[in-house]
Amino acid sequence: MMKKLFLAVFFCLFGTSLFAVSSPEVVWVGGAWRLSDESSPIFMADTFLSLGQMDSTYIFTEPLLILKSGELGLGLGAGARVPVMNGQALAGYNAFFDYTTDNYHKRLTIGGEFFYPTFSAHINAYLPFSDDHDGEEALPGIDFTVGIPIPNASFITLWPGMYYYDGKDEDDMTGLSFVVEAKPVKALSVFIGGRNDALESGRDRGELFVKFQVTIPMERLGEDLFKFEQGQYPLNVNAQLDHRVVREPFITYENKRP
């Protein structure tokens, strides 16, 4: 029953994209390398494809591949973004199906987002629908994150956040996160941060991490993608139409008691 409900939500959210798609356009391709004191190195590859527009609604998809300890993870989904407040802001929603090959965890992620010239806000609900496997069980949860660019240095963004995951055998995972993003050039972002729990490794203890993220925009191929860019403040919200979806890409799990 739960699986049918998840599928119904997923297809209802993005049924309109069937009418908007003409031919997908690759907007950017990218990847990341994440290092943490609580898990092995993680490699990610992703891309952003525009599926066209329906009236003023911008439809997109953002597939993701994750490689961790020799095991693959997959994220497939789509989203929509639309101008609001007379074009002064953007609002959007998205849904993703996430899967890992190590312990066959499956999860539906439903998210909402809001972009304003001086900040952005992102909320996600994580709904697993897989059984426990090899002593691991995926956990349902929710998180909320705000992006705050720094005036006069808007290539730096602060990302405070909070999260909650409902533990079954173990205590709930609840805490705060804080990340500093520096994007001095178009092609590279560096993230340095920490949070109360190592969500990607099922550990309820603090984590520090650094992530190097590459983004190659197709429309700027041939240009100098490593030229310093001061950034713009307040931000142009129309430039956020192809922003990466802000969500937890790793399926959070707990280790079952014997």
Protein backbone atom coordinates (compact mmCIF):
# COMPACT_ATOMS: atom_id res chain seq x y z
CA MET A 1 0.00 0.00 0.00
CA MET A 2 2.79 2.43 0.92
CA LYS A 3 4.63 1.74 -2.33
CA LYS A 4 1.47 2.49 -4.32
CA LEU A 5 1.02 5.73 -2.38
CA PHE A 6 4.60 6.82 -3.10
CA LEU A 7 4.24 6.10 -6.80
CA ALA A 8 0.94 7.98 -6.94
CA VAL A 9 2.51 11.05 -5.30
CA PHE A 10 5.50 10.92 -7.64
CA PHE A 11 3.46 10.76 -10.84
CA CYS A 12 0.88 13.31 -9.69
CA LEU A 13 3.61 15.84 -8.92
CA PHE A 14 5.13 15.60 -12.37
CA GLY A 15 2.34 14.66 -14.70
CA THR A 16 2.51 18.16 -16.20
CA SER A 17 6.06 17.50 -17.41
CA LEU A 18 4.70 15.04 -19.96
CA PHE A 19 3.08 17.98 -21.74
CA ALA A 20 6.06 20.31 -21.40
CA VAL A 21 8.83 18.08 -22.76
CA SER A 22 9.91 18.66 -26.33
CA SER A 23 13.54 17.59 -26.38
CA PRO A 24 15.63 17.61 -23.18
CA GLU A 25 18.43 20.18 -23.12
CA VAL A 26 21.57 19.60 -21.07
CA VAL A 27 22.14 22.78 -19.05
CA TRP A 28 25.18 21.64 -17.08
CA VAL A 29 27.14 18.53 -16.13
CA GLY A 30 29.00 18.16 -12.88
CA GLY A 31 30.37 16.03 -10.11
CA ALA A 32 31.77 16.15 -6.61
CA TRP A 33 34.30 14.57 -4.28
CA ARG A 34 33.30 14.48 -0.61
CA LEU A 35 35.69 13.76 2.27
CA SER A 36 34.48 13.15 5.82
CA ASP A 37 36.00 12.13 9.13
CA GLU A 38 33.17 9.59 9.58
CA SER A 39 32.94 7.84 6.19
CA SER A 40 34.99 6.75 3.22
CA PRO A 41 35.45 9.18 0.29
CA ILE A 42 32.34 9.63 -1.83
CA PHE A 43 32.26 10.47 -5.54
CA MET A 44 29.20 11.94 -7.25
CA ALA A 45 28.26 12.69 -10.86
CA ASP A 46 25.16 14.65 -11.82
CA THR A 47 23.62 16.67 -14.61
CA PHE A 48 20.78 19.16 -15.01
CA LEU A 49 18.42 18.81 -17.97
CA SER A 50 15.75 21.32 -18.94
CA LEU A 51 12.52 19.64 -20.01
CA GLY A 52 10.98 22.84 -21.31
CA GLN A 53 8.33 25.21 -20.02
CA MET A 54 4.58 25.05 -19.55
CA ASP A 55 3.26 28.61 -19.36
CA SER A 56 5.69 30.17 -16.85
CA THR A 57 6.58 26.87 -15.15
CA TYR A 58 10.12 25.61 -15.78
CA ILE A 59 10.39 21.79 -15.77
CA PHE A 60 13.67 19.97 -15.16
CA THR A 61 15.29 16.72 -14.15
CA GLU A 62 18.53 16.19 -12.25
CA PRO A 63 19.83 12.57 -12.26
CA LEU A 64 22.58 11.67 -9.80
CA LEU A 65 25.09 8.82 -9.44
CA ILE A 66 26.96 8.16 -6.18
CA LEU A 67 29.98 5.89 -5.65
CA LYS A 68 30.82 5.00 -2.05
CA SER A 69 33.08 2.14 -0.97
CA GLY A 70 32.70 0.51 -4.37
CA GLU A 71 28.88 0.57 -4.21
CA LEU A 72 26.59 2.63 -6.44
CA GLY A 73 23.72 4.88 -5.48
CA LEU A 74 21.18 6.41 -7.83
CA GLY A 75 18.87 9.41 -7.66
CA LEU A 76 16.24 10.00 -10.35
CA GLY A 77 13.66 12.73 -10.20
CA ALA A 78 12.19 15.89 -11.61
CA GLY A 79 11.11 19.31 -10.46
CA ALA A 80 9.31 22.50 -11.40
CA ARG A 81 10.12 26.15 -10.69
CA VAL A 82 7.83 29.12 -11.29
CA PRO A 83 8.19 32.91 -10.80
CA VAL A 84 6.15 34.31 -7.88
CA MET A 85 5.70 37.73 -6.24
CA ASN A 86 5.55 39.45 -9.65
CA GLY A 87 8.81 37.83 -10.70
CA GLN A 88 10.75 38.89 -7.60
CA ALA A 89 11.16 35.30 -6.41
CA LEU A 90 11.01 31.66 -7.51
CA ALA A 91 9.06 28.83 -5.90
CA GLY A 92 9.50 25.19 -6.75
CA TYR A 93 8.86 21.58 -5.85
CA ASN A 94 10.56 18.31 -6.72
CA ALA A 95 10.49 14.57 -6.12
CA PHE A 96 13.27 11.99 -6.36
CA PHE A 97 13.56 8.23 -6.19
CA ASP A 98 16.78 7.20 -4.44
CA TYR A 99 18.34 3.73 -4.44
CA THR A 100 21.53 2.14 -3.12
CA THR A 101 23.03 -1.13 -4.32
CA ASP A 102 24.82 -2.08 -1.11
CA ASN A 103 21.80 -2.83 1.08
CA TYR A 104 19.05 -2.12 -1.45
CA HIS A 105 17.58 0.86 0.36
CA LYS A 106 14.84 2.70 -1.55
CA ARG A 107 13.44 6.13 -0.75
CA LEU A 108 11.13 8.82 -2.09
CA THR A 109 12.18 12.42 -1.47
CA ILE A 110 9.65 15.24 -1.79
CA GLY A 111 10.95 18.80 -1.61
CA GLY A 112 9.89 22.41 -1.75
CA GLU A 113 12.08 25.46 -2.38
CA PHE A 114 11.93 29.24 -2.45
CA PHE A 115 14.51 31.57 -4.03
CA TYR A 116 14.66 35.26 -3.13
CA PRO A 117 17.39 37.80 -4.07
CA THR A 118 18.87 37.73 -0.54
CA PHE A 119 18.28 34.11 0.54
CA SER A 120 16.85 30.74 -0.42
CA ALA A 121 14.94 28.18 1.65
CA HIS A 122 14.68 24.43 1.08
CA ILE A 123 12.59 21.77 2.85
CA ASN A 124 12.57 18.02 2.17
CA ALA A 125 10.69 14.98 3.43
CA TYR A 126 12.43 11.59 3.13
CA LEU A 127 10.15 8.55 2.88
CA PRO A 128 11.88 5.14 2.66
CA PHE A 129 9.90 2.14 1.47
CA SER A 130 12.42 -0.71 1.67
CA ASP A 131 12.80 -3.46 4.26
CA ASP A 132 15.81 -3.77 6.55
CA HIS A 133 18.73 -5.65 5.01
CA ASP A 134 21.99 -6.89 6.54
CA GLY A 135 21.21 -5.17 9.81
CA GLU A 136 20.40 -1.76 8.28
CA GLU A 137 17.07 0.05 8.04
CA ALA A 138 16.44 3.28 6.13
CA LEU A 139 14.85 6.03 8.24
CA PRO A 140 12.13 8.57 7.43
CA GLY A 141 13.01 12.18 8.11
CA ILE A 142 12.74 15.84 7.29
CA ASP A 143 15.21 18.70 6.93
CA PHE A 144 15.21 22.44 6.40
CA THR A 145 18.09 24.51 4.99
CA VAL A 146 18.58 28.21 4.27
CA GLY A 147 21.14 29.67 1.84
CA ILE A 148 22.42 33.15 2.71
CA PRO A 149 24.88 34.83 0.31
CA ILE A 150 27.22 37.35 1.93
CA PRO A 151 26.79 40.96 0.70
CA ASN A 152 29.85 42.33 -1.13
CA ALA A 153 31.20 38.76 -1.33
CA SER A 154 28.27 36.84 -2.77
CA PHE A 155 30.53 34.08 -4.09
CA ILE A 156 30.39 32.91 -0.45
CA THR A 157 27.12 31.42 0.83
CA LEU A 158 26.28 30.29 4.35
CA TRP A 159 24.05 27.21 4.68
CA PRO A 160 22.59 26.71 8.18
CA GLY A 161 20.13 23.85 8.55
CA MET A 162 18.31 21.44 10.82
CA TYR A 163 17.15 17.84 10.41
CA TYR A 164 15.19 15.06 12.10
CA TYR A 165 15.16 11.31 11.36
CA ASP A 166 12.84 8.92 13.17
CA GLY A 167 14.92 6.17 14.78
CA LYS A 168 13.42 2.72 15.19
CA ASP A 169 15.83 0.62 17.29
CA GLU A 170 18.18 3.49 18.08
CA ASP A 171 17.59 7.07 19.21
CA ASP A 172 16.22 9.62 16.75
CA MET A 173 18.80 11.49 14.70
CA THR A 174 18.13 15.18 15.21
CA GLY A 175 20.50 18.08 15.00
CA LEU A 176 21.90 21.10 13.25
CA SER A 177 24.18 21.53 10.25
CA PHE A 178 26.28 24.42 9.04
CA VAL A 179 28.15 24.69 5.74
CA VAL A 180 30.20 27.46 4.14
CA GLU A 181 30.23 27.41 0.34
CA ALA A 182 32.85 29.34 -1.63
CA LYS A 183 32.40 29.62 -5.40
CA PRO A 184 35.15 31.96 -6.61
CA VAL A 185 34.98 30.61 -10.18
CA LYS A 186 32.12 29.39 -12.34
CA ALA A 187 33.27 25.79 -12.51
CA LEU A 188 34.22 25.06 -8.89
CA SER A 189 32.57 25.26 -5.48
CA VAL A 190 34.18 24.27 -2.18
CA PHE A 191 31.99 23.31 0.79
CA ILE A 192 33.30 23.05 4.35
CA GLY A 193 30.89 22.08 7.07
CA GLY A 194 29.73 19.90 9.90
CA ARG A 195 26.64 18.44 11.52
CA ASN A 196 25.63 16.53 14.63
CA ASP A 197 25.29 13.16 12.87
CA ALA A 198 27.05 11.30 10.07
CA LEU A 199 23.83 10.66 8.15
CA GLU A 200 25.44 8.86 5.21
CA SER A 201 27.10 6.24 7.45
CA GLY A 202 24.36 5.59 10.01
CA ARG A 203 26.30 7.08 12.91
CA ASP A 204 24.79 9.33 15.55
CA ARG A 205 27.95 11.31 16.21
CA GLY A 206 29.32 14.56 14.89
CA GLU A 207 30.80 14.85 11.42
CA LEU A 208 33.12 17.30 9.70
CA PHE A 209 33.42 17.26 5.92
CA VAL A 210 34.72 19.05 2.86
CA LYS A 211 33.29 18.75 -0.64
CA PHE A 212 34.75 19.85 -3.97
CA GLN A 213 32.02 20.33 -6.56
CA VAL A 214 32.47 20.90 -10.30
CA THR A 215 29.82 22.41 -12.56
CA ILE A 216 30.36 22.80 -16.32
CA PRO A 217 27.62 24.95 -17.97
CA MET A 218 27.06 23.95 -21.58
CA GLU A 219 26.38 27.51 -22.77
CA ARG A 220 29.79 28.65 -21.56
CA LEU A 221 31.97 25.94 -23.07
CA GLY A 222 35.05 27.52 -24.56
CA GLU A 223 35.05 30.37 -22.04
CA ASP A 224 37.40 30.71 -19.09
CA LEU A 225 35.47 28.84 -16.41
CA PHE A 226 38.21 29.44 -13.84
CA LYS A 227 38.19 33.22 -13.98
CA PHE A 228 37.46 34.81 -10.60
CA GLU A 229 33.86 35.99 -10.22
CA GLN A 230 32.89 38.31 -7.38
CA GLY A 231 29.25 37.29 -7.68
CA GLN A 232 26.12 39.42 -7.74
CA TYR A 233 24.15 40.75 -4.76
CA PRO A 234 21.22 40.83 -4.51
CA LEU A 235 21.01 37.67 -6.59
CA ASN A 236 19.17 37.49 -9.90
CA VAL A 237 16.49 34.89 -9.16
CA ASN A 238 16.16 34.00 -12.85
CA ALA A 239 19.75 32.77 -12.69
CA GLN A 240 18.62 30.23 -10.06
CA LEU A 241 16.37 28.31 -12.45
CA ASP A 242 19.14 25.74 -12.95
CA HIS A 243 20.33 25.69 -9.32
CA ARG A 244 21.08 22.23 -7.92
CA VAL A 245 18.27 20.85 -5.80
CA VAL A 246 19.31 21.23 -2.15
CA ARG A 247 18.62 17.90 -0.44
CA GLU A 248 20.34 15.04 1.39
CA PRO A 249 21.54 12.74 -1.42
CA PHE A 250 22.44 9.87 0.91
CA ILE A 251 19.79 7.52 2.30
CA THR A 252 19.97 7.83 6.08
CA TYR A 253 19.84 4.52 7.94
CA GLU A 254 20.43 2.99 11.36
CA ASN A 255 22.08 -0.26 12.37
CA LYS A 256 19.52 -2.68 13.80
CA ARG A 257 20.05 -4.19 17.22
CA PRO A 258 20.81 -7.94 17.28
